[in-house]
C-alpha atoms as a PDB file:
ATOM      1  CA  MET A   1     -44.926  56.274  77.005  1.00  0.00           C
ATOM      2  CA  ILE A   2     -47.005  56.559  80.201  1.00  0.00           C
ATOM      3  CA  ALA A   3     -48.970  59.791  80.411  1.00  0.00           C
ATOM      4  CA  PRO A   4     -47.896  62.226  83.168  1.00  0.00           C
ATOM      5  CA  GLY A   5     -49.784  61.548  86.381  1.00  0.00           C
ATOM      6  CA  TRP A   6     -50.865  58.058  85.327  1.00  0.00           C
ATOM      7  CA  GLU A   7     -48.820  56.317  88.030  1.00  0.00           C
ATOM      8  CA  GLN A   8     -50.580  58.335  90.723  1.00  0.00           C
ATOM      9  CA  GLU A   9     -53.969  57.812  89.092  1.00  0.00           C
ATOM     10  CA  ARG A  10     -53.375  54.060  88.880  1.00  0.00           C
ATOM     11  CA  ALA A  11     -52.407  53.889  92.553  1.00  0.00           C
ATOM     12  CA  GLU A  12     -55.597  55.716  93.472  1.00  0.00           C
ATOM     13  CA  ILE A  13     -57.737  53.364  91.352  1.00  0.00           C
ATOM     14  CA  PHE A  14     -56.293  50.248  92.936  1.00  0.00           C
ATOM     15  CA  GLY A  15     -56.517  51.825  96.350  1.00  0.00           C
ATOM     16  CA  GLN A  16     -60.250  52.150  95.776  1.00  0.00           C
ATOM     17  CA  VAL A  17     -60.486  48.561  94.515  1.00  0.00           C
ATOM     18  CA  ALA A  18     -58.606  47.215  97.529  1.00  0.00           C
ATOM     19  CA  TYR A  19     -60.706  49.282  99.927  1.00  0.00           C
ATOM     20  CA  ALA A  20     -63.933  47.967  98.352  1.00  0.00           C
ATOM     21  CA  LEU A  21     -62.719  44.361  98.539  1.00  0.00           C
ATOM     22  CA  ASP A  22     -61.771  44.811 102.187  1.00  0.00           C
ATOM     23  CA  LYS A  23     -65.271  46.125 102.952  1.00  0.00           C
ATOM     24  CA  VAL A  24     -66.941  43.211 101.125  1.00  0.00           C
ATOM     25  CA  ALA A  25     -64.705  40.682 102.865  1.00  0.00           C
ATOM     26  CA  ASP A  26     -65.378  42.198 106.287  1.00  0.00           C
ATOM     27  CA  ALA A  27     -69.145  42.379 105.747  1.00  0.00           C
ATOM     28  CA  ASN A  28     -69.288  38.750 104.612  1.00  0.00           C
ATOM     29  CA  ARG A  29     -66.650  37.412 107.012  1.00  0.00           C
ATOM     30  CA  LEU A  30     -64.468  36.269 104.126  1.00  0.00           C
ATOM     31  CA  SER A  31     -60.986  34.953 104.803  1.00  0.00           C
ATOM     32  CA  SER A  32     -59.309  36.292 101.665  1.00  0.00           C
ATOM     33  CA  ALA A  33     -59.587  38.324  98.467  1.00  0.00           C
ATOM     34  CA  HIS A  34     -58.189  37.384  95.056  1.00  0.00           C
ATOM     35  CA  ILE A  35     -57.688  39.241  91.761  1.00  0.00           C
ATOM     36  CA  LEU A  36     -56.950  36.948  88.834  1.00  0.00           C
ATOM     37  CA  TYR A  37     -55.526  37.572  85.353  1.00  0.00           C
ATOM     38  CA  ALA A  38     -54.216  40.982  86.307  1.00  0.00           C
ATOM     39  CA  LEU A  39     -51.531  42.861  84.420  1.00  0.00           C
ATOM     40  CA  SER A  40     -48.077  43.035  85.939  1.00  0.00           C
ATOM     41  CA  HIS A  41     -48.270  46.752  86.690  1.00  0.00           C
ATOM     42  CA  GLU A  42     -51.689  46.259  88.309  1.00  0.00           C
ATOM     43  CA  VAL A  43     -50.223  43.725  90.727  1.00  0.00           C
ATOM     44  CA  ASP A  44     -47.360  46.153  91.429  1.00  0.00           C
ATOM     45  CA  ALA A  45     -49.939  48.592  92.781  1.00  0.00           C
ATOM     46  CA  LEU A  46     -51.805  45.905  94.727  1.00  0.00           C
ATOM     47  CA  GLU A  47     -48.618  44.641  96.398  1.00  0.00           C
ATOM     48  CA  ALA A  48     -48.213  48.074  97.976  1.00  0.00           C
ATOM     49  CA  LEU A  49     -51.692  47.564  99.465  1.00  0.00           C
ATOM     50  CA  GLY A  50     -50.956  44.287 101.219  1.00  0.00           C
ATOM     51  CA  TYR A  51     -51.533  41.789  98.418  1.00  0.00           C
ATOM     52  CA  SER A  52     -49.163  38.981  97.515  1.00  0.00           C
ATOM     53  CA  ARG A  53     -48.196  38.317  93.912  1.00  0.00           C
ATOM     54  CA  ARG A  54     -48.598  34.918  92.297  1.00  0.00           C
ATOM     55  CA  HIS A  55     -47.076  33.746  89.020  1.00  0.00           C
ATOM     56  CA  THR A  56     -48.406  30.927  86.859  1.00  0.00           C
ATOM     57  CA  LEU A  57     -47.570  29.934  83.291  1.00  0.00           C
ATOM     58  CA  GLN A  58     -49.826  30.087  80.260  1.00  0.00           C
ATOM     59  CA  PHE A  59     -48.707  29.117  76.787  1.00  0.00           C
ATOM     60  CA  GLN A  60     -49.016  31.737  74.040  1.00  0.00           C
ATOM     61  CA  TRP A  61     -48.153  31.800  70.351  1.00  0.00           C
ATOM     62  CA  THR A  62     -46.445  34.940  69.075  1.00  0.00           C
ATOM     63  CA  ASN A  63     -46.443  36.067  65.461  1.00  0.00           C
ATOM     64  CA  TYR A  64     -42.817  36.992  64.785  1.00  0.00           C
ATOM     65  CA  GLU A  65     -43.773  38.654  61.506  1.00  0.00           C
ATOM     66  CA  TYR A  66     -44.182  35.349  59.689  1.00  0.00           C
ATOM     67  CA  ARG A  67     -44.968  35.697  55.975  1.00  0.00           C
ATOM     68  CA  ASP A  68     -46.984  32.471  55.839  1.00  0.00           C
ATOM     69  CA  PHE A  69     -47.299  29.101  57.563  1.00  0.00           C
ATOM     70  CA  ASP A  70     -44.266  27.702  55.728  1.00  0.00           C
ATOM     71  CA  HIS A  71     -42.178  30.611  57.010  1.00  0.00           C
ATOM     72  CA  PHE A  72     -43.376  29.785  60.551  1.00  0.00           C
ATOM     73  CA  LEU A  73     -42.414  26.135  60.058  1.00  0.00           C
ATOM     74  CA  ALA A  74     -38.993  27.164  58.755  1.00  0.00           C
ATOM     75  CA  CYS A  75     -38.375  28.828  62.136  1.00  0.00           C
ATOM     76  CA  LEU A  76     -38.942  25.525  63.966  1.00  0.00           C
ATOM     77  CA  LYS A  77     -36.384  22.845  64.641  1.00  0.00           C
ATOM     78  CA  ALA A  78     -36.335  20.185  61.929  1.00  0.00           C
ATOM     79  CA  LYS A  79     -37.933  17.343  63.896  1.00  0.00           C
ATOM     80  CA  LYS A  80     -40.940  19.412  64.916  1.00  0.00           C
ATOM     81  CA  ARG A  81     -41.258  20.971  61.458  1.00  0.00           C
ATOM     82  CA  HIS A  82     -41.436  17.555  59.780  1.00  0.00           C
ATOM     83  CA  GLN A  83     -43.894  16.282  62.385  1.00  0.00           C
ATOM     84  CA  ILE A  84     -46.347  19.141  61.856  1.00  0.00           C
ATOM     85  CA  ARG A  85     -46.178  18.775  58.090  1.00  0.00           C
ATOM     86  CA  ARG A  86     -46.858  15.044  58.384  1.00  0.00           C
ATOM     87  CA  GLU A  87     -49.798  15.563  60.732  1.00  0.00           C
ATOM     88  CA  ARG A  88     -51.423  18.153  58.457  1.00  0.00           C
ATOM     89  CA  ARG A  89     -50.778  16.022  55.366  1.00  0.00           C
ATOM     90  CA  GLU A  90     -52.317  12.881  56.879  1.00  0.00           C
ATOM     91  CA  LEU A  91     -55.403  14.746  58.083  1.00  0.00           C
ATOM     92  CA  ALA A  92     -55.963  16.310  54.660  1.00  0.00           C
ATOM     93  CA  ALA A  93     -55.599  12.867  53.043  1.00  0.00           C
ATOM     94  CA  SER A  94     -58.502  11.613  55.191  1.00  0.00           C
ATOM     95  CA  GLY A  95     -60.893  13.847  53.259  1.00  0.00           C
ATOM     96  CA  ILE A  96     -61.464  16.368  56.046  1.00  0.00           C
ATOM     97  CA  VAL A  97     -61.637  20.023  55.040  1.00  0.00           C
ATOM     98  CA  VAL A  98     -60.897  22.682  57.689  1.00  0.00           C
ATOM     99  CA  GLU A  99     -61.975  26.299  57.249  1.00  0.00           C
ATOM    100  CA  THR A 100     -62.430  29.562  59.129  1.00  0.00           C
ATOM    101  CA  VAL A 101     -65.960  30.859  59.682  1.00  0.00           C
ATOM    102  CA  THR A 102     -66.555  34.407  60.950  1.00  0.00           C
ATOM    103  CA  GLY A 103     -69.195  37.118  61.161  1.00  0.00           C
ATOM    104  CA  GLU A 104     -72.389  36.533  59.197  1.00  0.00           C
ATOM    105  CA  GLN A 105     -71.089  33.141  58.049  1.00  0.00           C
ATOM    106  CA  ILE A 106     -71.745  31.853  61.571  1.00  0.00           C
ATOM    107  CA  THR A 107     -75.281  30.494  61.457  1.00  0.00           C
ATOM    108  CA  ALA A 108     -77.590  29.649  64.345  1.00  0.00           C
ATOM    109  CA  ASP A 109     -77.273  25.965  63.419  1.00  0.00           C
ATOM    110  CA  LEU A 110     -73.486  26.156  63.586  1.00  0.00           C
ATOM    111  CA  LEU A 111     -73.641  27.704  67.066  1.00  0.00           C
ATOM    112  CA  LYS A 112     -76.022  24.921  68.166  1.00  0.00           C
ATOM    113  CA  THR A 113     -73.517  22.409  66.877  1.00  0.00           C
ATOM    114  CA  MET A 114     -70.730  24.165  68.797  1.00  0.00           C
ATOM    115  CA  TYR A 115     -72.808  23.997  71.973  1.00  0.00           C
ATOM    116  CA  ARG A 116     -73.403  20.275  71.415  1.00  0.00           C
ATOM    117  CA  PHE A 117     -69.685  19.667  70.867  1.00  0.00           C
ATOM    118  CA  HIS A 118     -68.830  21.729  73.954  1.00  0.00           C
ATOM    119  CA  SER A 119     -71.324  19.807  76.100  1.00  0.00           C
ATOM    120  CA  ASP A 120     -69.999  16.461  74.892  1.00  0.00           C
ATOM    121  CA  THR A 121     -66.418  17.494  75.672  1.00  0.00           C
ATOM    122  CA  CYS A 122     -67.450  18.431  79.220  1.00  0.00           C
ATOM    123  CA  VAL A 123     -69.172  15.068  79.697  1.00  0.00           C
ATOM    124  CA  ARG A 124     -66.193  13.068  78.429  1.00  0.00           C
ATOM    125  CA  HIS A 125     -63.587  14.932  80.497  1.00  0.00           C
ATOM    126  CA  VAL A 126     -64.157  15.025  84.243  1.00  0.00           C
ATOM    127  CA  TRP A 127     -61.861  18.064  84.654  1.00  0.00           C
ATOM    128  CA  SER A 128     -64.028  20.162  82.337  1.00  0.00           C
ATOM    129  CA  GLY A 129     -67.021  21.717  84.068  1.00  0.00           C
ATOM    130  CA  GLN A 130     -69.859  22.949  81.866  1.00  0.00           C
ATOM    131  CA  TYR A 131     -70.997  26.443  82.779  1.00  0.00           C
ATOM    132  CA  LEU A 132     -72.109  27.758  79.373  1.00  0.00           C
ATOM    133  CA  THR A 133     -75.700  27.194  78.317  1.00  0.00           C
ATOM    134  CA  GLU A 134     -77.268  26.914  74.884  1.00  0.00           C
ATOM    135  CA  SER A 135     -78.818  30.355  75.356  1.00  0.00           C
ATOM    136  CA  PHE A 136     -75.300  31.738  75.848  1.00  0.00           C
ATOM    137  CA  TYR A 137     -74.396  30.662  72.330  1.00  0.00           C
ATOM    138  CA  GLU A 138     -77.664  32.072  70.996  1.00  0.00           C
ATOM    139  CA  ILE A 139     -76.920  35.471  72.557  1.00  0.00           C
ATOM    140  CA  LEU A 140     -73.401  35.374  71.118  1.00  0.00           C
ATOM    141  CA  GLY A 141     -74.872  34.913  67.675  1.00  0.00           C
ATOM    142  CA  GLU A 142     -77.141  37.906  68.170  1.00  0.00           C
ATOM    143  CA  ARG A 143     -74.721  40.354  69.782  1.00  0.00           C
ATOM    144  CA  PHE A 144     -71.141  39.204  69.400  1.00  0.00           C
ATOM    145  CA  ARG A 145     -70.901  37.535  66.019  1.00  0.00           C
ATOM    146  CA  HIS A 146     -68.391  40.114  64.750  1.00  0.00           C
ATOM    147  CA  ARG A 147     -65.858  38.937  67.371  1.00  0.00           C
ATOM    148  CA  ILE A 148     -66.229  35.199  66.805  1.00  0.00           C
ATOM    149  CA  LEU A 149     -63.772  33.170  64.761  1.00  0.00           C
ATOM    150  CA  MET A 150     -64.712  29.512  64.463  1.00  0.00           C
ATOM    151  CA  VAL A 151     -62.539  26.821  62.951  1.00  0.00           C
ATOM    152  CA  VAL A 152     -64.788  24.186  61.410  1.00  0.00           C
ATOM    153  CA  ALA A 153     -63.839  20.724  60.121  1.00  0.00           C
ATOM    154  CA  ARG A 154     -66.132  18.996  57.628  1.00  0.00           C
ATOM    155  CA  ARG A 155     -66.195  15.615  55.968  1.00  0.00           C
ATOM    156  CA  LYS A 156     -68.399  15.402  52.878  1.00  0.00           C
ATOM    157  CA  GLY A 157     -70.009  18.662  53.932  1.00  0.00           C
ATOM    158  CA  GLU A 158     -70.941  17.502  57.439  1.00  0.00           C
ATOM    159  CA  VAL A 159     -69.431  19.285  60.453  1.00  0.00           C
ATOM    160  CA  ILE A 160     -67.450  16.789  62.512  1.00  0.00           C
ATOM    161  CA  ALA A 161     -65.442  19.198  64.709  1.00  0.00           C
ATOM    162  CA  ALA A 162     -65.211  22.880  65.599  1.00  0.00           C
ATOM    163  CA  ALA A 163     -63.240  25.263  67.787  1.00  0.00           C
ATOM    164  CA  PHE A 164     -64.683  28.464  69.221  1.00  0.00           C
ATOM    165  CA  ASN A 165     -62.366  31.491  69.307  1.00  0.00           C
ATOM    166  CA  VAL A 166     -62.874  35.200  69.836  1.00  0.00           C
ATOM    167  CA  PHE A 167     -60.661  38.014  68.592  1.00  0.00           C
ATOM    168  CA  LYS A 168     -60.128  41.685  69.239  1.00  0.00           C
ATOM    169  CA  ASP A 169     -57.450  44.037  67.957  1.00  0.00           C
ATOM    170  CA  ASP A 170     -54.353  41.883  67.428  1.00  0.00           C
ATOM    171  CA  VAL A 171     -55.126  38.969  69.779  1.00  0.00           C
ATOM    172  CA  LEU A 172     -56.982  35.698  69.131  1.00  0.00           C
ATOM    173  CA  TYR A 173     -58.368  33.853  72.159  1.00  0.00           C
ATOM    174  CA  GLY A 174     -59.027  30.130  71.775  1.00  0.00           C
ATOM    175  CA  ARG A 175     -61.523  28.734  74.248  1.00  0.00           C
ATOM    176  CA  TYR A 176     -63.697  25.691  73.394  1.00  0.00           C
ATOM    177  CA  TRP A 177     -63.608  22.784  71.021  1.00  0.00           C
ATOM    178  CA  GLY A 178     -65.440  19.535  70.375  1.00  0.00           C
ATOM    179  CA  CYS A 179     -65.890  16.801  67.798  1.00  0.00           C
ATOM    180  CA  ALA A 180     -68.372  14.184  66.632  1.00  0.00           C
ATOM    181  CA  GLU A 181     -65.666  11.577  66.063  1.00  0.00           C
ATOM    182  CA  GLU A 182     -62.051  11.005  66.999  1.00  0.00           C
ATOM    183  CA  VAL A 183     -59.684  11.419  64.044  1.00  0.00           C
ATOM    184  CA  PRO A 184     -55.868  11.410  64.345  1.00  0.00           C
ATOM    185  CA  PHE A 185     -54.433  14.951  64.386  1.00  0.00           C
ATOM    186  CA  LEU A 186     -57.889  16.569  64.082  1.00  0.00           C
ATOM    187  CA  HIS A 187     -57.571  18.329  67.437  1.00  0.00           C
ATOM    188  CA  PHE A 188     -54.139  19.738  66.591  1.00  0.00           C
ATOM    189  CA  GLU A 189     -55.315  21.097  63.237  1.00  0.00           C
ATOM    190  CA  VAL A 190     -58.567  22.642  64.466  1.00  0.00           C
ATOM    191  CA  CYS A 191     -57.220  24.087  67.719  1.00  0.00           C
ATOM    192  CA  TYR A 192     -53.616  24.987  66.842  1.00  0.00           C
ATOM    193  CA  TYR A 193     -52.373  24.778  63.258  1.00  0.00           C
ATOM    194  CA  HIS A 194     -55.318  26.321  61.435  1.00  0.00           C
ATOM    195  CA  PRO A 195     -55.692  29.191  63.956  1.00  0.00           C
ATOM    196  CA  ILE A 196     -51.955  29.891  63.698  1.00  0.00           C
ATOM    197  CA  ASP A 197     -52.267  29.971  59.914  1.00  0.00           C
ATOM    198  CA  GLU A 198     -55.225  32.341  60.285  1.00  0.00           C
ATOM    199  CA  CYS A 199     -53.283  34.620  62.637  1.00  0.00           C
ATOM    200  CA  ILE A 200     -50.467  34.877  60.115  1.00  0.00           C
ATOM    201  CA  ARG A 201     -52.843  35.701  57.257  1.00  0.00           C
ATOM    202  CA  ARG A 202     -54.696  38.311  59.314  1.00  0.00           C
ATOM    203  CA  GLY A 203     -51.602  39.820  60.920  1.00  0.00           C
ATOM    204  CA  ILE A 204     -52.773  38.895  64.419  1.00  0.00           C
ATOM    205  CA  ARG A 205     -49.880  39.315  66.831  1.00  0.00           C
ATOM    206  CA  ARG A 206     -50.756  36.832  69.569  1.00  0.00           C
ATOM    207  CA  PHE A 207     -52.776  33.638  69.938  1.00  0.00           C
ATOM    208  CA  SER A 208     -53.841  32.752  73.476  1.00  0.00           C
ATOM    209  CA  PRO A 209     -55.270  29.213  73.309  1.00  0.00           C
ATOM    210  CA  GLY A 210     -56.431  28.847  76.922  1.00  0.00           C
ATOM    211  CA  ALA A 211     -55.341  26.704  79.845  1.00  0.00           C
ATOM    212  CA  GLY A 212     -53.100  23.667  79.681  1.00  0.00           C
ATOM    213  CA  GLY A 213     -49.665  23.409  78.210  1.00  0.00           C
ATOM    214  CA  GLY A 214     -48.278  20.070  77.078  1.00  0.00           C
ATOM    215  CA  TYR A 215     -49.621  19.891  73.522  1.00  0.00           C
ATOM    216  CA  LYS A 216     -49.312  23.639  73.108  1.00  0.00           C
ATOM    217  CA  TYR A 217     -45.683  23.875  74.207  1.00  0.00           C
ATOM    218  CA  LEU A 218     -44.671  21.152  71.753  1.00  0.00           C
ATOM    219  CA  ARG A 219     -46.234  23.221  68.960  1.00  0.00           C
ATOM    220  CA  ALA A 220     -44.287  26.443  69.526  1.00  0.00           C
ATOM    221  CA  PHE A 221     -46.528  28.053  72.131  1.00  0.00           C
ATOM    222  CA  GLU A 222     -44.171  29.779  74.547  1.00  0.00           C
ATOM    223  CA  PRO A 223     -44.534  29.973  78.357  1.00  0.00           C
ATOM    224  CA  GLU A 224     -45.628  33.422  79.491  1.00  0.00           C
ATOM    225  CA  LEU A 225     -46.130  34.655  83.051  1.00  0.00           C
ATOM    226  CA  GLU A 226     -49.695  35.218  84.259  1.00  0.00           C
ATOM    227  CA  HIS A 227     -50.107  37.506  87.268  1.00  0.00           C
ATOM    228  CA  SER A 228     -52.614  37.441  90.104  1.00  0.00           C
ATOM    229  CA  ALA A 229     -52.902  39.137  93.512  1.00  0.00           C
ATOM    230  CA  HIS A 230     -54.018  37.564  96.793  1.00  0.00           C
ATOM    231  CA  LYS A 231     -54.727  38.914 100.265  1.00  0.00           C
ATOM    232  CA  VAL A 232     -55.288  36.717 103.316  1.00  0.00           C
ATOM    233  CA  TYR A 233     -56.792  38.614 106.244  1.00  0.00           C
ATOM    234  CA  GLU A 234     -55.529  36.421 109.099  1.00  0.00           C
ATOM    235  CA  PRO A 235     -52.011  37.895 109.638  1.00  0.00           C
ATOM    236  CA  ARG A 236     -50.059  34.738 110.430  1.00  0.00           C
ATOM    237  CA  PHE A 237     -51.680  32.751 107.641  1.00  0.00           C
ATOM    238  CA  GLY A 238     -51.165  35.700 105.308  1.00  0.00           C
ATOM    239  CA  ARG A 239     -47.422  35.763 106.036  1.00  0.00           C
ATOM    240  CA  ALA A 240     -47.191  32.010 105.401  1.00  0.00           C
ATOM    241  CA  VAL A 241     -49.017  32.354 102.081  1.00  0.00           C
ATOM    242  CA  ALA A 242     -46.798  35.269 101.038  1.00  0.00           C
ATOM    243  CA  GLN A 243     -43.672  33.218 101.786  1.00  0.00           C
ATOM    244  CA  ALA A 244     -45.026  30.217  99.844  1.00  0.00           C
ATOM    245  CA  LEU A 245     -45.873  32.399  96.854  1.00  0.00           C
ATOM    246  CA  ALA A 246     -42.380  33.923  96.855  1.00  0.00           C
ATOM    247  CA  GLU A 247     -40.884  30.434  96.694  1.00  0.00           C
ATOM    248  CA  GLU A 248     -43.357  29.433  94.000  1.00  0.00           C
ATOM    249  CA  ARG A 249     -42.445  32.478  91.887  1.00  0.00           C
ATOM    250  CA  ARG A 250     -38.815  31.411  91.861  1.00  0.00           C
ATOM    251  CA  GLU A 251     -39.795  27.879  90.819  1.00  0.00           C
ATOM    252  CA  VAL A 252     -42.144  29.119  88.087  1.00  0.00           C
ATOM    253  CA  GLU A 253     -39.465  31.414  86.650  1.00  0.00           C
ATOM    254  CA  ALA A 254     -36.944  28.569  86.642  1.00  0.00           C
ATOM    255  CA  GLN A 255     -39.497  26.359  84.881  1.00  0.00           C
ATOM    256  CA  ARG A 256     -40.206  29.083  82.314  1.00  0.00           C
ATOM    257  CA  LEU A 257     -36.528  29.513  81.474  1.00  0.00           C
ATOM    258  CA  GLU A 258     -36.000  25.764  81.240  1.00  0.00           C
ATOM    259  CA  LEU A 259     -38.981  25.389  78.866  1.00  0.00           C
ATOM    260  CA  LEU A 260     -37.714  28.232  76.697  1.00  0.00           C
ATOM    261  CA  SER A 261     -34.346  26.498  76.417  1.00  0.00           C
ATOM    262  CA  ARG A 262     -36.107  23.415  74.964  1.00  0.00           C
ATOM    263  CA  SER A 263     -38.598  25.276  72.779  1.00  0.00           C
ATOM    264  CA  PRO A 264     -39.282  23.924  69.260  1.00  0.00           C
ATOM    265  CA  LEU A 265     -38.548  27.462  68.022  1.00  0.00           C
ATOM    266  CA  LYS A 266     -35.049  28.111  66.745  1.00  0.00           C
ATOM    267  CA  ARG A 267     -33.221  30.719  68.797  1.00  0.00           C
ATOM    268  CA  ASN A 268     -30.726  33.423  67.946  1.00  0.00           C
ATOM    269  CA  PRO A 269     -27.527  33.632  70.033  1.00  0.00           C
ATOM    270  CA  ASP A 270     -29.162  36.275  72.212  1.00  0.00           C
ATOM    271  CA  GLY A 271     -32.066  33.935  73.016  1.00  0.00           C
ATOM    272  CA  THR A 272     -34.701  35.653  70.886  1.00  0.00           C
ATOM    273  CA  ALA A 273     -36.876  33.622  68.528  1.00  0.00           C
ATOM    274  CA  ARG A 274     -35.527  33.377  64.983  1.00  0.00           C
ATOM    275  CA  ARG A 275     -37.565  35.173  62.320  1.00  0.00           C
END
């Protein structure tokens, strides 16, 4: 329930934000202002102040009160269920052990290894820009260790891959990964299956694994709308952008519904995920 007066208070807050952005844009002769990763109700308020709404898709995993990983698999269509079991089985047979490391278990050496993996991933993939430094990881270890959840893969005790996640309340955020060698299905286990298993064991409601969608969608991550707000100060250009975004919103919603219809998750007659 929304507290009495909150709607008015929210409108006033975003009025102040919009006013400040307008002043900054005018002082610096900027052509536009943009607010990313906003909540839907925040964009509602900004639309009333001349902003245009944009929708994009991000793939999220939802914990539908699964008892364990096998219960989660039982809620998938047979082909995908068998595929995931085979991938996990073949990786385990290769002698690789995957585990969760949190809190005080996260050593300075492990964070250095994560930085090295992250840097190597950025070098190997031209679309991945490196903006985090080694000192960033050092500061995380000093001040933020209680929020870090790393998934670490070892062979004969040596770390060969790791994924860096953070968590708060009932959400796990997956962000960076890297490896010392390419092993079939290693990426899927470290970045998707093991974190999902961990979410189920910890009762975490949602797993947000970051940008990109292909691999995630095929592993029961569902398309969710992300909201942003955009204001173009040149009136004619602003109207053209607003019209384009309206058309894009319709296309994104159609894409979301089409993806849901082909989801690996079994569906009830009413369209909800089976539990």
